Amino acid sequence: MGKLVLTSFVTLDGVYQAPGGPQEDTRDGFEQGGWIWPYADDDFRRFVEEVFQRVGAFLLGRRTYEIFAGFWPKVTDADDLIASQLNTMPKYVASASLTDPGWSGTTVISGDLAKEVTALKENIDGELQVHGSGALARSLLNLGLVDTVHLLTFPVVLGAGRRLFAEGTVPTTFRHTGGRITSKGVSIQTYDLAGSPDYGSFEPPENA
């Protein structure tokens, strides 16, 4: 059985929208796309390649899928691990509207998300990886289907944009399992799902 692993890029104020380029996602008038570019270095690339070495299949939201499908099939360098994995490994797209995906190896899932993703996890070897796909990621987190989160926090505040952990997210706790900081200050932290939060108080007991 595989496990579902989410890799997400966020700013210090939690924005995930359009990390890769100005035109990647302009919803809500967002004009600050491409904010990860100044922080790309060998440490960042090394971590992403480590993640891609463990993939068994990809699970993507429609927007991220279309961004990837418009770029990665054009990368034909056999030594590019990321391109090779994306172009050859199975890809699943959670979409109710996509009917004819053109990227080889793609399957559309449009039914019950919990049921279909659970079945995928049970039938793949390696990791079922979600990259980006913010709306899908939130749904999977709220359903308790995510096993591991790689959260890459970039040292920039945008003040606008769609946030990964938006209001209404199901309260969840995670167990920290590893981390590093890149040469350009990107915090890469890995967490495993741990369950629901515990609550307490620093107030002294009434009879103390």
C-alpha atoms as a PDB file:
ATOM      1  CA  MET A   1       0.000   0.000   0.000  1.00  0.00           C
ATOM      2  CA  GLY A   2       1.275   3.443  -0.870  1.00  0.00           C
ATOM      3  CA  LYS A   3       0.969   6.615   1.135  1.00  0.00           C
ATOM      4  CA  LEU A   4      -0.246  10.028   0.074  1.00  0.00           C
ATOM      5  CA  VAL A   5       2.420  12.711   0.243  1.00  0.00           C
ATOM      6  CA  LEU A   6       1.688  16.403  -0.267  1.00  0.00           C
ATOM      7  CA  THR A   7       4.439  18.821  -1.270  1.00  0.00           C
ATOM      8  CA  SER A   8       3.414  22.443  -0.987  1.00  0.00           C
ATOM      9  CA  PHE A   9       5.202  25.772  -1.470  1.00  0.00           C
ATOM     10  CA  VAL A  10       3.924  28.613   0.718  1.00  0.00           C
ATOM     11  CA  THR A  11       4.943  32.131   1.695  1.00  0.00           C
ATOM     12  CA  LEU A  12       5.408  33.226   5.290  1.00  0.00           C
ATOM     13  CA  ASP A  13       1.800  34.416   5.250  1.00  0.00           C
ATOM     14  CA  GLY A  14       0.582  31.083   3.921  1.00  0.00           C
ATOM     15  CA  VAL A  15      -0.027  31.912   0.239  1.00  0.00           C
ATOM     16  CA  TYR A  16       0.348  29.039  -2.235  1.00  0.00           C
ATOM     17  CA  GLN A  17      -0.966  30.775  -5.356  1.00  0.00           C
ATOM     18  CA  ALA A  18       1.161  30.947  -8.532  1.00  0.00           C
ATOM     19  CA  PRO A  19       4.611  30.123  -7.139  1.00  0.00           C
ATOM     20  CA  GLY A  20       6.155  29.398 -10.525  1.00  0.00           C
ATOM     21  CA  GLY A  21       5.337  32.347 -12.768  1.00  0.00           C
ATOM     22  CA  PRO A  22       3.355  35.592 -13.241  1.00  0.00           C
ATOM     23  CA  GLN A  23       0.670  34.008 -15.437  1.00  0.00           C
ATOM     24  CA  GLU A  24       0.391  30.710 -13.588  1.00  0.00           C
ATOM     25  CA  ASP A  25      -2.709  31.643 -11.592  1.00  0.00           C
ATOM     26  CA  THR A  26      -4.154  35.160 -11.756  1.00  0.00           C
ATOM     27  CA  ARG A  27      -7.484  34.403 -10.077  1.00  0.00           C
ATOM     28  CA  ASP A  28      -8.869  37.185  -7.879  1.00  0.00           C
ATOM     29  CA  GLY A  29      -6.565  39.646  -9.654  1.00  0.00           C
ATOM     30  CA  PHE A  30      -3.417  38.088  -8.202  1.00  0.00           C
ATOM     31  CA  GLU A  31      -0.376  39.819  -9.733  1.00  0.00           C
ATOM     32  CA  GLN A  32       2.530  38.438  -7.695  1.00  0.00           C
ATOM     33  CA  GLY A  33       3.089  35.077  -9.353  1.00  0.00           C
ATOM     34  CA  GLY A  34       6.603  33.682  -9.609  1.00  0.00           C
ATOM     35  CA  TRP A  35       7.617  34.347  -6.022  1.00  0.00           C
ATOM     36  CA  ILE A  36       9.753  31.189  -5.601  1.00  0.00           C
ATOM     37  CA  TRP A  37      12.119  32.143  -8.436  1.00  0.00           C
ATOM     38  CA  PRO A  38      14.637  34.160  -6.347  1.00  0.00           C
ATOM     39  CA  TYR A  39      15.026  31.250  -3.923  1.00  0.00           C
ATOM     40  CA  ALA A  40      15.752  28.421  -6.347  1.00  0.00           C
ATOM     41  CA  ASP A  41      19.184  26.925  -5.650  1.00  0.00           C
ATOM     42  CA  ASP A  42      20.953  23.566  -5.574  1.00  0.00           C
ATOM     43  CA  ASP A  43      19.533  22.752  -2.123  1.00  0.00           C
ATOM     44  CA  PHE A  44      15.989  23.314  -3.362  1.00  0.00           C
ATOM     45  CA  ARG A  45      16.530  21.254  -6.501  1.00  0.00           C
ATOM     46  CA  ARG A  46      18.173  18.457  -4.513  1.00  0.00           C
ATOM     47  CA  PHE A  47      15.207  18.150  -2.166  1.00  0.00           C
ATOM     48  CA  VAL A  48      12.662  18.114  -5.005  1.00  0.00           C
ATOM     49  CA  GLU A  49      14.630  15.387  -6.778  1.00  0.00           C
ATOM     50  CA  GLU A  50      14.714  13.329  -3.576  1.00  0.00           C
ATOM     51  CA  VAL A  51      10.921  13.537  -3.421  1.00  0.00           C
ATOM     52  CA  PHE A  52      10.492  12.581  -7.064  1.00  0.00           C
ATOM     53  CA  GLN A  53      12.667   9.500  -6.628  1.00  0.00           C
ATOM     54  CA  ARG A  54      10.000   7.989  -4.358  1.00  0.00           C
ATOM     55  CA  VAL A  55       6.943   8.557  -6.548  1.00  0.00           C
ATOM     56  CA  GLY A  56       4.631   5.716  -7.542  1.00  0.00           C
ATOM     57  CA  ALA A  57       1.965   7.935  -9.115  1.00  0.00           C
ATOM     58  CA  PHE A  58       0.897  11.574  -9.191  1.00  0.00           C
ATOM     59  CA  LEU A  59      -2.441  12.986  -8.057  1.00  0.00           C
ATOM     60  CA  LEU A  60      -3.096  16.531  -9.233  1.00  0.00           C
ATOM     61  CA  GLY A  61      -5.834  19.120  -9.324  1.00  0.00           C
ATOM     62  CA  ARG A  62      -6.906  20.298 -12.748  1.00  0.00           C
ATOM     63  CA  ARG A  63      -5.146  23.670 -12.651  1.00  0.00           C
ATOM     64  CA  THR A  64      -1.795  22.231 -11.584  1.00  0.00           C
ATOM     65  CA  TYR A  65      -2.199  19.390 -14.071  1.00  0.00           C
ATOM     66  CA  GLU A  66      -2.711  21.823 -16.946  1.00  0.00           C
ATOM     67  CA  ILE A  67       0.297  23.908 -15.881  1.00  0.00           C
ATOM     68  CA  PHE A  68       2.475  20.792 -15.714  1.00  0.00           C
ATOM     69  CA  ALA A  69       1.083  19.376 -18.973  1.00  0.00           C
ATOM     70  CA  GLY A  70       1.914  22.602 -20.776  1.00  0.00           C
ATOM     71  CA  PHE A  71       5.545  22.507 -19.675  1.00  0.00           C
ATOM     72  CA  TRP A  72       7.021  19.134 -18.718  1.00  0.00           C
ATOM     73  CA  PRO A  73       6.307  17.145 -21.916  1.00  0.00           C
ATOM     74  CA  LYS A  74       8.545  19.672 -23.683  1.00  0.00           C
ATOM     75  CA  VAL A  75      11.491  18.774 -21.417  1.00  0.00           C
ATOM     76  CA  THR A  76      13.128  15.844 -23.193  1.00  0.00           C
ATOM     77  CA  ASP A  77      16.471  15.711 -21.360  1.00  0.00           C
ATOM     78  CA  ALA A  78      16.789  12.071 -20.250  1.00  0.00           C
ATOM     79  CA  ASP A  79      18.884  13.186 -17.269  1.00  0.00           C
ATOM     80  CA  ASP A  80      16.137  15.454 -15.919  1.00  0.00           C
ATOM     81  CA  LEU A  81      14.660  13.300 -13.152  1.00  0.00           C
ATOM     82  CA  ILE A  82      11.628  15.496 -12.559  1.00  0.00           C
ATOM     83  CA  ALA A  83      10.647  15.550 -16.239  1.00  0.00           C
ATOM     84  CA  SER A  84      11.278  11.830 -16.630  1.00  0.00           C
ATOM     85  CA  GLN A  85       9.062  10.936 -13.682  1.00  0.00           C
ATOM     86  CA  LEU A  86       6.255  13.274 -14.666  1.00  0.00           C
ATOM     87  CA  ASN A  87       6.300  12.111 -18.268  1.00  0.00           C
ATOM     88  CA  THR A  88       6.423   8.372 -17.569  1.00  0.00           C
ATOM     89  CA  MET A  89       4.697   7.698 -14.243  1.00  0.00           C
ATOM     90  CA  PRO A  90       0.897   7.355 -13.897  1.00  0.00           C
ATOM     91  CA  LYS A  91      -0.944  10.626 -13.384  1.00  0.00           C
ATOM     92  CA  TYR A  92      -4.420  11.028 -11.883  1.00  0.00           C
ATOM     93  CA  VAL A  93      -6.387  14.257 -12.151  1.00  0.00           C
ATOM     94  CA  ALA A  94      -9.247  15.053  -9.791  1.00  0.00           C
ATOM     95  CA  SER A  95     -11.670  16.937 -12.018  1.00  0.00           C
ATOM     96  CA  ALA A  96     -15.357  16.978 -12.797  1.00  0.00           C
ATOM     97  CA  SER A  97     -14.839  18.840 -16.072  1.00  0.00           C
ATOM     98  CA  LEU A  98     -11.707  17.447 -17.716  1.00  0.00           C
ATOM     99  CA  THR A  99     -12.736  14.730 -20.152  1.00  0.00           C
ATOM    100  CA  ASP A 100      -9.922  14.342 -22.668  1.00  0.00           C
ATOM    101  CA  PRO A 101      -6.476  14.781 -21.101  1.00  0.00           C
ATOM    102  CA  GLY A 102      -3.730  14.898 -23.676  1.00  0.00           C
ATOM    103  CA  TRP A 103      -0.764  14.014 -21.486  1.00  0.00           C
ATOM    104  CA  SER A 104       0.199  10.358 -21.832  1.00  0.00           C
ATOM    105  CA  GLY A 105      -0.459   8.214 -18.777  1.00  0.00           C
ATOM    106  CA  THR A 106      -3.269  10.388 -17.397  1.00  0.00           C
ATOM    107  CA  THR A 107      -6.479   9.123 -15.804  1.00  0.00           C
ATOM    108  CA  VAL A 108      -9.291  11.446 -14.703  1.00  0.00           C
ATOM    109  CA  ILE A 109     -11.042  10.700 -11.415  1.00  0.00           C
ATOM    110  CA  SER A 110     -14.382  12.458 -11.016  1.00  0.00           C
ATOM    111  CA  GLY A 111     -16.341  10.376  -8.529  1.00  0.00           C
ATOM    112  CA  ASP A 112     -16.237  10.176  -4.753  1.00  0.00           C
ATOM    113  CA  LEU A 113     -12.836  11.681  -3.883  1.00  0.00           C
ATOM    114  CA  ALA A 114     -12.392   9.804  -0.600  1.00  0.00           C
ATOM    115  CA  LYS A 115     -13.292   6.464  -2.132  1.00  0.00           C
ATOM    116  CA  GLU A 116     -11.197   6.872  -5.271  1.00  0.00           C
ATOM    117  CA  VAL A 117      -8.092   8.208  -3.529  1.00  0.00           C
ATOM    118  CA  THR A 118      -8.272   5.471  -0.893  1.00  0.00           C
ATOM    119  CA  ALA A 119      -8.380   2.902  -3.696  1.00  0.00           C
ATOM    120  CA  LEU A 120      -5.371   4.521  -5.381  1.00  0.00           C
ATOM    121  CA  LYS A 121      -3.377   4.383  -2.157  1.00  0.00           C
ATOM    122  CA  GLU A 122      -4.203   0.722  -1.754  1.00  0.00           C
ATOM    123  CA  ASN A 123      -3.106  -0.182  -5.256  1.00  0.00           C
ATOM    124  CA  ILE A 124       0.171   1.634  -5.840  1.00  0.00           C
ATOM    125  CA  ASP A 125       3.708   0.993  -4.701  1.00  0.00           C
ATOM    126  CA  GLY A 126       5.653   3.989  -3.521  1.00  0.00           C
ATOM    127  CA  GLU A 127       4.120   7.392  -2.905  1.00  0.00           C
ATOM    128  CA  LEU A 128       0.970   8.889  -4.353  1.00  0.00           C
ATOM    129  CA  GLN A 129       2.266  12.432  -4.633  1.00  0.00           C
ATOM    130  CA  VAL A 130       0.319  15.671  -4.725  1.00  0.00           C
ATOM    131  CA  HIS A 131       2.266  18.723  -5.871  1.00  0.00           C
ATOM    132  CA  GLY A 132       0.696  22.159  -5.576  1.00  0.00           C
ATOM    133  CA  SER A 133      -3.018  21.647  -6.309  1.00  0.00           C
ATOM    134  CA  GLY A 134      -4.086  23.829  -3.406  1.00  0.00           C
ATOM    135  CA  ALA A 135      -7.845  23.217  -3.518  1.00  0.00           C
ATOM    136  CA  LEU A 136      -7.349  19.477  -3.899  1.00  0.00           C
ATOM    137  CA  ALA A 137      -4.757  19.491  -1.124  1.00  0.00           C
ATOM    138  CA  ARG A 138      -7.196  21.150   1.273  1.00  0.00           C
ATOM    139  CA  SER A 139      -9.892  18.618   0.422  1.00  0.00           C
ATOM    140  CA  LEU A 140      -7.519  15.720   0.994  1.00  0.00           C
ATOM    141  CA  LEU A 141      -6.362  17.185   4.305  1.00  0.00           C
ATOM    142  CA  ASN A 142      -9.946  17.713   5.437  1.00  0.00           C
ATOM    143  CA  LEU A 143     -10.738  14.094   4.552  1.00  0.00           C
ATOM    144  CA  GLY A 144      -7.763  12.842   6.560  1.00  0.00           C
ATOM    145  CA  LEU A 145      -6.227  11.181   3.498  1.00  0.00           C
ATOM    146  CA  VAL A 146      -2.817  12.871   3.613  1.00  0.00           C
ATOM    147  CA  ASP A 147      -0.104  10.846   5.334  1.00  0.00           C
ATOM    148  CA  THR A 148       2.868  13.186   4.971  1.00  0.00           C
ATOM    149  CA  VAL A 149       3.290  16.890   4.202  1.00  0.00           C
ATOM    150  CA  HIS A 150       6.459  18.485   2.871  1.00  0.00           C
ATOM    151  CA  LEU A 151       5.912  22.164   3.599  1.00  0.00           C
ATOM    152  CA  LEU A 152       8.403  24.497   1.917  1.00  0.00           C
ATOM    153  CA  THR A 153       8.099  27.986   3.397  1.00  0.00           C
ATOM    154  CA  PHE A 154       9.721  30.780   1.433  1.00  0.00           C
ATOM    155  CA  PRO A 155      10.957  33.934   3.197  1.00  0.00           C
ATOM    156  CA  VAL A 156       8.540  36.337   1.538  1.00  0.00           C
ATOM    157  CA  VAL A 157       5.231  37.934   2.551  1.00  0.00           C
ATOM    158  CA  LEU A 158       2.774  38.815  -0.221  1.00  0.00           C
ATOM    159  CA  GLY A 159      -0.231  40.102   1.691  1.00  0.00           C
ATOM    160  CA  ALA A 160      -2.647  38.667  -0.885  1.00  0.00           C
ATOM    161  CA  GLY A 161      -3.393  35.390  -2.594  1.00  0.00           C
ATOM    162  CA  ARG A 162      -4.980  32.049  -1.866  1.00  0.00           C
ATOM    163  CA  ARG A 163      -3.842  30.354   1.310  1.00  0.00           C
ATOM    164  CA  LEU A 164      -3.262  26.666   1.846  1.00  0.00           C
ATOM    165  CA  PHE A 165      -4.707  26.527   5.357  1.00  0.00           C
ATOM    166  CA  ALA A 166      -7.679  28.786   4.850  1.00  0.00           C
ATOM    167  CA  GLU A 167     -10.494  29.436   7.303  1.00  0.00           C
ATOM    168  CA  GLY A 168     -12.617  26.322   7.609  1.00  0.00           C
ATOM    169  CA  THR A 169      -9.742  23.844   7.427  1.00  0.00           C
ATOM    170  CA  VAL A 170     -10.381  20.820   9.642  1.00  0.00           C
ATOM    171  CA  PRO A 171      -8.303  21.112  12.856  1.00  0.00           C
ATOM    172  CA  THR A 172      -5.421  18.663  12.542  1.00  0.00           C
ATOM    173  CA  THR A 173      -2.119  17.943  14.274  1.00  0.00           C
ATOM    174  CA  PHE A 174       1.083  16.718  12.687  1.00  0.00           C
ATOM    175  CA  ARG A 175       4.274  15.088  13.935  1.00  0.00           C
ATOM    176  CA  HIS A 176       7.509  16.679  12.758  1.00  0.00           C
ATOM    177  CA  THR A 177       9.748  14.100  11.103  1.00  0.00           C
ATOM    178  CA  GLY A 178      12.551  16.107   9.531  1.00  0.00           C
ATOM    179  CA  GLY A 179      13.698  19.411   8.143  1.00  0.00           C
ATOM    180  CA  ARG A 180      16.399  21.538   6.619  1.00  0.00           C
ATOM    181  CA  ILE A 181      17.051  25.113   5.519  1.00  0.00           C
ATOM    182  CA  THR A 182      18.337  25.898   2.021  1.00  0.00           C
ATOM    183  CA  SER A 183      21.195  28.298   1.330  1.00  0.00           C
ATOM    184  CA  LYS A 184      18.626  30.956   0.369  1.00  0.00           C
ATOM    185  CA  GLY A 185      16.546  30.548   3.502  1.00  0.00           C
ATOM    186  CA  VAL A 186      13.722  28.265   2.400  1.00  0.00           C
ATOM    187  CA  SER A 187      12.486  26.212   5.347  1.00  0.00           C
ATOM    188  CA  ILE A 188      11.754  22.635   4.272  1.00  0.00           C
ATOM    189  CA  GLN A 189       9.862  20.762   6.964  1.00  0.00           C
ATOM    190  CA  THR A 190       8.249  17.326   6.845  1.00  0.00           C
ATOM    191  CA  TYR A 191       5.251  16.307   8.954  1.00  0.00           C
ATOM    192  CA  ASP A 192       3.211  13.127   9.327  1.00  0.00           C
ATOM    193  CA  LEU A 193      -0.486  13.288  10.088  1.00  0.00           C
ATOM    194  CA  ALA A 194      -1.032  12.740  13.824  1.00  0.00           C
ATOM    195  CA  GLY A 195      -4.743  13.260  14.412  1.00  0.00           C
ATOM    196  CA  SER A 196      -6.919  15.892  16.075  1.00  0.00           C
ATOM    197  CA  PRO A 197      -5.532  18.664  18.276  1.00  0.00           C
ATOM    198  CA  ASP A 198      -5.423  18.434  22.060  1.00  0.00           C
ATOM    199  CA  TYR A 199      -6.292  21.546  24.029  1.00  0.00           C
ATOM    200  CA  GLY A 200      -5.351  22.790  27.461  1.00  0.00           C
ATOM    201  CA  SER A 201      -4.800  25.900  29.524  1.00  0.00           C
ATOM    202  CA  PHE A 202      -1.946  27.637  31.317  1.00  0.00           C
ATOM    203  CA  GLU A 203      -4.391  28.855  33.942  1.00  0.00           C
ATOM    204  CA  PRO A 204      -3.553  27.344  37.361  1.00  0.00           C
ATOM    205  CA  PRO A 205      -6.090  24.943  38.838  1.00  0.00           C
ATOM    206  CA  GLU A 206      -8.657  26.721  41.051  1.00  0.00           C
ATOM    207  CA  ASN A 207      -7.550  24.840  44.153  1.00  0.00           C
ATOM    208  CA  ALA A 208      -3.789  25.201  43.588  1.00  0.00           C
END
